[in-house]
Amino acid sequence: MKAHIVIVNYRTADLTIDCLRTLATEAEACGATCTVVDGASGDDSVERLTPVIDALPWCDFLPLDTNGGFAFGNNRGIEHAFKHFAPDAIWLLNPDTRVRPGALRHLIDFLDAKPHCGIAGGNSLHEDETPMCCAFGFPTVLGEIENTLRVGLVTKLLNHRRISGTIYDKSTAVGWVAGASMLVRREVFDAIGLLDEGFFMYYEEVDFCRRALDHGWTTWHVPASEIIHLVGASSGVTGAQRAKKRRPRYWFDSRRRYFLRHLGRARTAVVNVAWLASTPLARFVDVLRRNPRNDPPRLWRDFAKYNLTADLTGR
């Protein structure tokens, strides 16, 4: 199987260069090619990345004039790959990652062994090499309630509805995998198209895996494939910065777009009301138990502003 790697850079030249350094041996061993896309960074990314990429015979560079978001940047790289390299699969890889030996090979071998699998996601590790959650169930009404409350009795009752990530020690069929490391068969793109560019950032891989499943393609988590993921380093919305920055408007827009598409307007409204009611209760329980809750600033108010208002107005 011939794989092509797509990495989207946006003002993360240092991270992208480090990612390429760790990727080189693996790409060459697998006979893979790579395209680095710059999403109109507007800084010195193009100048810094150009000589590095020019020195890599297996990699080319695609600077864009427009920053259309994560899905937009990946789609331009995917189109470029299919036009110029004709790969059998595309490996979507975050710039804030460091590739460990065998990361791509394990994913390629897995797709070769399982013809019904359309998407294979690798295992992400923290810098200290402890595993992080990168395989999830699809959002549901009850799953969102459990994920918001995170209270023992509720979690026990709704355990079968949990959407929060699970750390697996063997290859497992899941709902969706994190887009930081995701190998996708060409046939999946042929069947469902590219990533939905209506998602500026976040939820695009959830939607993509959901659409793939609707067309009969399963998604698997393959823990043997490992990367170090400096989670949130490129966006600041997740990871160590999650509790320090307000959640951006595009996160709420992406969440709403996904829920409306796959759950419908009525169930989306139910989930939103349940979230708004459950969050203060969950915070109260955490205070009683002296448990830290690292929610971003003004999360409840921003959620109400961008979701409840839209539910009531229909926009």
Foldseek 3Di string as FASTA:
>chain_A
DEEEEEEEDAPPLVLLLQQCVLCQVQCVVRVYAYEYEYACNVDCNCVSVVVSQVVRPRYDYHYDNHQLADQVRVQVRVVVCCVPPVGQKYKYAYSQKHFDPCQVVLVVVVCVVDVQAFKEFEWEAAPVRHTDFFFWAADDLLQLLCVQQVDDVSCVVCVVSHGDGDDDPAKDWGQFGDSNTMMGGPVLCVVQNGFDSQQRDPPSRNQSSNSSVVVRHTYMYGHVNYMYGCPCPRPLCDDPSVLPADHDLSHLSSVVVVCCVPVNLVSLLSSLVSSLVNNVVSVVVCVVVVHDDRHHPPHSVSSCVNRVVCSVVVD
